[in-house]
N, C-alpha and C. Protein backbone atom coordinates (compact mmCIF):
# COMPACT_ATOMS: atom_id res chain seq x y z
N UNK A 1 -88.50 -48.67 81.55
CA UNK A 1 -88.18 -48.66 83.02
C UNK A 1 -86.90 -47.97 83.27
N UNK A 2 -87.01 -47.03 84.27
CA UNK A 2 -85.95 -46.55 84.61
C UNK A 2 -85.38 -47.11 85.85
N UNK A 3 -83.91 -47.18 85.87
CA UNK A 3 -83.00 -47.73 87.05
C UNK A 3 -82.94 -46.58 88.04
N UNK A 4 -83.32 -46.77 89.24
CA UNK A 4 -82.74 -45.83 90.38
C UNK A 4 -81.50 -45.54 90.36
N UNK A 5 -81.11 -44.20 90.70
CA UNK A 5 -79.87 -43.66 91.01
C UNK A 5 -79.74 -43.56 92.20
N UNK A 6 -79.25 -44.61 93.03
CA UNK A 6 -79.16 -44.73 94.43
C UNK A 6 -77.87 -44.44 94.95
N UNK A 7 -76.74 -44.00 94.15
CA UNK A 7 -75.68 -44.27 94.70
C UNK A 7 -75.08 -42.79 94.44
N UNK A 8 -74.92 -42.08 95.65
CA UNK A 8 -74.68 -40.65 95.41
C UNK A 8 -73.43 -40.20 95.92
N UNK A 9 -72.55 -39.33 95.24
CA UNK A 9 -71.37 -38.77 95.33
C UNK A 9 -71.41 -37.72 96.53
N UNK A 10 -70.79 -37.96 97.68
CA UNK A 10 -70.76 -36.92 98.74
C UNK A 10 -70.08 -35.64 98.16
N UNK A 11 -69.18 -35.75 97.31
CA UNK A 11 -68.46 -34.40 96.93
C UNK A 11 -69.37 -33.47 96.11
N UNK A 12 -70.30 -34.26 95.20
CA UNK A 12 -70.78 -33.32 94.43
C UNK A 12 -72.43 -33.42 94.19
N UNK A 13 -72.62 -34.78 94.80
CA UNK A 13 -74.17 -35.12 94.71
C UNK A 13 -74.58 -35.61 93.51
N UNK A 14 -73.92 -36.11 92.60
CA UNK A 14 -74.15 -36.65 91.49
C UNK A 14 -74.55 -38.01 91.83
N UNK A 15 -75.49 -38.61 91.14
CA UNK A 15 -76.16 -39.88 91.17
C UNK A 15 -75.76 -40.86 90.16
N UNK A 16 -75.62 -42.16 90.63
CA UNK A 16 -75.40 -43.17 89.77
C UNK A 16 -76.04 -44.48 90.09
N UNK A 17 -76.10 -45.15 88.99
CA UNK A 17 -77.03 -46.54 89.24
C UNK A 17 -76.52 -47.89 89.73
N UNK A 18 -74.93 -47.62 90.07
CA UNK A 18 -74.27 -48.79 90.78
C UNK A 18 -73.02 -48.33 91.41
N UNK A 19 -72.80 -49.08 92.55
CA UNK A 19 -71.65 -48.64 93.44
C UNK A 19 -70.33 -48.52 92.63
N UNK A 20 -70.14 -49.47 91.37
CA UNK A 20 -68.99 -49.51 90.66
C UNK A 20 -68.90 -48.13 90.06
N UNK A 21 -70.08 -47.38 89.42
CA UNK A 21 -70.13 -46.18 88.45
C UNK A 21 -69.45 -45.09 89.67
N UNK A 22 -70.27 -45.14 90.72
CA UNK A 22 -69.81 -44.30 91.96
C UNK A 22 -68.61 -44.32 92.12
N UNK A 23 -67.84 -45.49 92.36
CA UNK A 23 -66.29 -45.43 92.97
C UNK A 23 -65.45 -44.73 91.74
N UNK A 24 -65.89 -45.30 90.54
CA UNK A 24 -65.09 -44.72 89.37
C UNK A 24 -65.21 -43.38 89.37
N UNK A 25 -66.43 -42.93 89.59
CA UNK A 25 -66.56 -41.24 89.43
C UNK A 25 -65.75 -40.38 90.62
N UNK A 26 -65.79 -41.09 91.77
CA UNK A 26 -65.05 -40.65 93.20
C UNK A 26 -63.47 -40.25 92.62
N UNK A 27 -62.92 -41.01 91.93
CA UNK A 27 -61.66 -40.85 91.51
C UNK A 27 -61.21 -39.49 90.57
N UNK A 28 -62.23 -38.75 90.10
CA UNK A 28 -62.38 -37.57 89.58
C UNK A 28 -62.10 -36.51 90.68
N UNK A 29 -62.62 -36.75 91.77
CA UNK A 29 -62.44 -35.94 93.01
C UNK A 29 -61.02 -36.00 93.61
N UNK A 30 -60.88 -37.51 93.89
CA UNK A 30 -59.65 -37.78 94.63
C UNK A 30 -58.34 -37.48 93.93
N UNK A 31 -58.45 -37.20 92.32
CA UNK A 31 -57.00 -37.22 91.64
C UNK A 31 -56.51 -38.68 91.43
N UNK A 32 -57.10 -39.66 91.95
CA UNK A 32 -56.19 -40.96 91.91
C UNK A 32 -56.35 -41.38 90.50
N UNK A 33 -55.17 -41.85 90.13
CA UNK A 33 -55.03 -42.36 88.73
C UNK A 33 -54.48 -43.93 88.78
N UNK A 34 -55.18 -45.11 88.88
CA UNK A 34 -54.63 -46.12 89.45
C UNK A 34 -53.70 -47.08 88.04
N UNK A 35 -54.21 -46.61 86.87
CA UNK A 35 -53.68 -47.43 85.79
C UNK A 35 -52.46 -46.56 85.40
N UNK A 36 -51.34 -47.08 85.21
CA UNK A 36 -50.26 -46.58 84.62
C UNK A 36 -49.57 -47.18 83.78
N UNK A 37 -49.17 -46.36 82.62
CA UNK A 37 -48.38 -46.85 81.25
C UNK A 37 -46.94 -47.29 81.67
N UNK A 38 -46.88 -48.59 81.29
CA UNK A 38 -45.17 -49.09 81.56
C UNK A 38 -44.32 -48.34 80.80
N UNK A 39 -44.52 -47.59 79.63
CA UNK A 39 -43.61 -47.36 78.90
C UNK A 39 -43.39 -45.80 79.21
N UNK A 40 -44.36 -45.13 79.24
CA UNK A 40 -44.06 -43.22 79.56
C UNK A 40 -44.53 -42.88 80.79
N UNK A 41 -45.24 -43.69 81.76
CA UNK A 41 -45.57 -43.40 83.17
C UNK A 41 -46.71 -42.31 83.27
N UNK A 42 -47.49 -42.11 81.89
CA UNK A 42 -48.68 -41.51 82.14
C UNK A 42 -49.63 -42.31 82.97
N UNK A 43 -50.69 -41.70 83.64
CA UNK A 43 -51.76 -42.39 84.50
C UNK A 43 -52.92 -42.26 84.14
N UNK A 44 -53.72 -42.89 84.12
CA UNK A 44 -55.32 -43.04 83.91
C UNK A 44 -56.10 -43.34 85.05
N UNK A 45 -57.47 -42.79 84.81
CA UNK A 45 -58.77 -43.13 85.87
C UNK A 45 -59.09 -44.66 85.61
N UNK A 46 -59.25 -44.77 84.34
CA UNK A 46 -60.12 -46.09 83.76
C UNK A 46 -58.76 -46.78 83.05
N UNK A 47 -58.80 -48.26 83.12
CA UNK A 47 -58.38 -49.27 82.61
C UNK A 47 -58.46 -48.99 81.02
N UNK A 48 -59.75 -48.74 80.49
CA UNK A 48 -60.12 -48.67 79.12
C UNK A 48 -59.18 -47.39 78.56
N UNK A 49 -58.86 -46.42 79.28
CA UNK A 49 -58.06 -45.22 78.69
C UNK A 49 -56.63 -45.64 78.77
N UNK A 50 -56.12 -46.16 79.60
CA UNK A 50 -54.82 -46.80 79.46
C UNK A 50 -54.66 -47.59 78.34
N UNK A 51 -55.51 -48.67 78.08
CA UNK A 51 -55.49 -49.61 76.69
C UNK A 51 -55.72 -48.67 75.64
N UNK A 52 -56.39 -47.45 75.45
CA UNK A 52 -56.49 -46.70 74.51
C UNK A 52 -55.15 -46.04 74.14
N UNK A 53 -54.59 -45.52 75.10
CA UNK A 53 -53.28 -44.92 75.25
C UNK A 53 -52.07 -45.73 74.86
N UNK A 54 -52.22 -46.93 74.94
CA UNK A 54 -51.00 -47.81 74.36
C UNK A 54 -51.03 -47.88 73.13
N UNK A 55 -52.05 -47.56 72.49
CA UNK A 55 -51.90 -47.64 70.79
C UNK A 55 -50.96 -46.61 70.58
N UNK A 56 -50.58 -45.40 71.21
CA UNK A 56 -49.73 -44.36 70.99
C UNK A 56 -48.42 -45.09 70.68
N UNK A 57 -48.19 -45.93 71.41
CA UNK A 57 -46.65 -46.46 71.43
C UNK A 57 -46.75 -47.48 70.47
N UNK A 58 -47.59 -48.45 70.38
CA UNK A 58 -47.72 -49.35 69.24
C UNK A 58 -47.97 -49.02 68.11
N UNK A 59 -48.52 -47.96 67.60
CA UNK A 59 -49.12 -47.69 66.48
C UNK A 59 -50.42 -48.41 65.75
N UNK A 60 -50.81 -49.19 66.91
CA UNK A 60 -52.08 -49.82 66.40
C UNK A 60 -53.12 -48.98 65.75
N UNK A 61 -53.78 -49.49 64.95
CA UNK A 61 -55.06 -48.48 64.36
C UNK A 61 -56.08 -49.47 63.83
N UNK A 62 -56.65 -49.90 64.72
CA UNK A 62 -57.81 -50.97 64.44
C UNK A 62 -59.05 -50.49 63.68
N UNK A 63 -59.33 -49.12 63.66
CA UNK A 63 -60.44 -48.55 63.26
C UNK A 63 -60.12 -48.12 61.95
N UNK A 64 -61.20 -48.44 60.77
CA UNK A 64 -61.03 -47.92 59.50
C UNK A 64 -62.29 -47.56 58.63
N UNK A 65 -62.08 -46.55 58.02
CA UNK A 65 -63.29 -45.98 57.45
C UNK A 65 -63.32 -46.75 56.29
N UNK A 66 -64.67 -47.09 56.05
CA UNK A 66 -65.03 -47.98 54.86
C UNK A 66 -65.14 -47.23 53.68
N UNK A 67 -65.17 -46.03 53.56
CA UNK A 67 -65.05 -45.28 52.41
C UNK A 67 -63.96 -44.73 51.73
N UNK A 68 -62.74 -44.48 52.61
CA UNK A 68 -61.44 -44.28 52.10
C UNK A 68 -60.37 -45.07 52.74
N UNK A 69 -60.82 -46.06 53.43
CA UNK A 69 -59.92 -46.80 54.00
C UNK A 69 -58.75 -46.34 55.10
N UNK A 70 -58.84 -45.21 55.39
CA UNK A 70 -57.89 -44.58 56.30
C UNK A 70 -58.02 -45.15 57.83
N UNK A 71 -57.16 -45.28 58.39
CA UNK A 71 -57.18 -46.14 59.69
C UNK A 71 -56.87 -45.27 60.90
N UNK A 72 -57.62 -45.49 62.31
CA UNK A 72 -57.45 -44.63 63.21
C UNK A 72 -57.30 -45.55 64.43
N UNK A 73 -56.67 -44.87 65.40
CA UNK A 73 -56.28 -45.68 66.79
C UNK A 73 -57.60 -45.50 67.65
N UNK A 74 -58.35 -44.41 67.45
CA UNK A 74 -59.68 -44.52 68.42
C UNK A 74 -60.89 -44.25 67.56
N UNK A 75 -61.97 -44.65 68.01
CA UNK A 75 -63.35 -44.79 67.59
C UNK A 75 -63.79 -43.31 67.46
N UNK A 76 -63.58 -42.47 68.39
CA UNK A 76 -64.10 -41.12 68.26
C UNK A 76 -63.38 -40.43 67.28
N UNK A 77 -62.10 -40.50 66.72
CA UNK A 77 -61.27 -40.05 65.84
C UNK A 77 -61.89 -40.67 64.43
N UNK A 78 -62.15 -41.95 64.32
CA UNK A 78 -62.73 -42.31 63.19
C UNK A 78 -64.30 -41.77 62.98
N UNK A 79 -64.99 -41.63 63.93
CA UNK A 79 -66.44 -40.94 63.85
C UNK A 79 -66.33 -39.50 63.45
N UNK A 80 -65.41 -38.71 63.87
CA UNK A 80 -65.10 -37.18 63.59
C UNK A 80 -64.80 -37.48 61.91
N UNK A 81 -63.95 -38.08 61.44
CA UNK A 81 -63.47 -38.36 60.20
C UNK A 81 -64.48 -38.66 59.27
N UNK A 82 -65.29 -39.47 59.70
CA UNK A 82 -66.57 -39.92 58.99
C UNK A 82 -67.54 -38.92 58.55
N UNK A 83 -67.44 -37.76 59.57
CA UNK A 83 -68.53 -36.86 59.36
C UNK A 83 -68.06 -35.76 58.01
N UNK A 84 -66.58 -35.96 57.76
CA UNK A 84 -66.01 -35.02 56.76
C UNK A 84 -65.82 -35.76 55.44
N UNK A 85 -65.77 -37.06 55.67
CA UNK A 85 -65.24 -37.87 54.59
C UNK A 85 -66.39 -38.19 53.41
């Protein structure tokens, strides 16, 4: 069952399934970045991106390759590594 995309962006006419996703998308057009790093002042559209960025400062690397045990701060970097490991 497909969920209708009833929420349409007035800037680019992209369609979304919820008002939340539309509001998040509109930030791309407005340039607003409401989430700010308290260490280096970088700003982000999404809270998740800020949380991921904070690992740069903390050195946290919670994602580990099960083959070679190398650790990564981001899941996308672990997945890229796994293709070559």
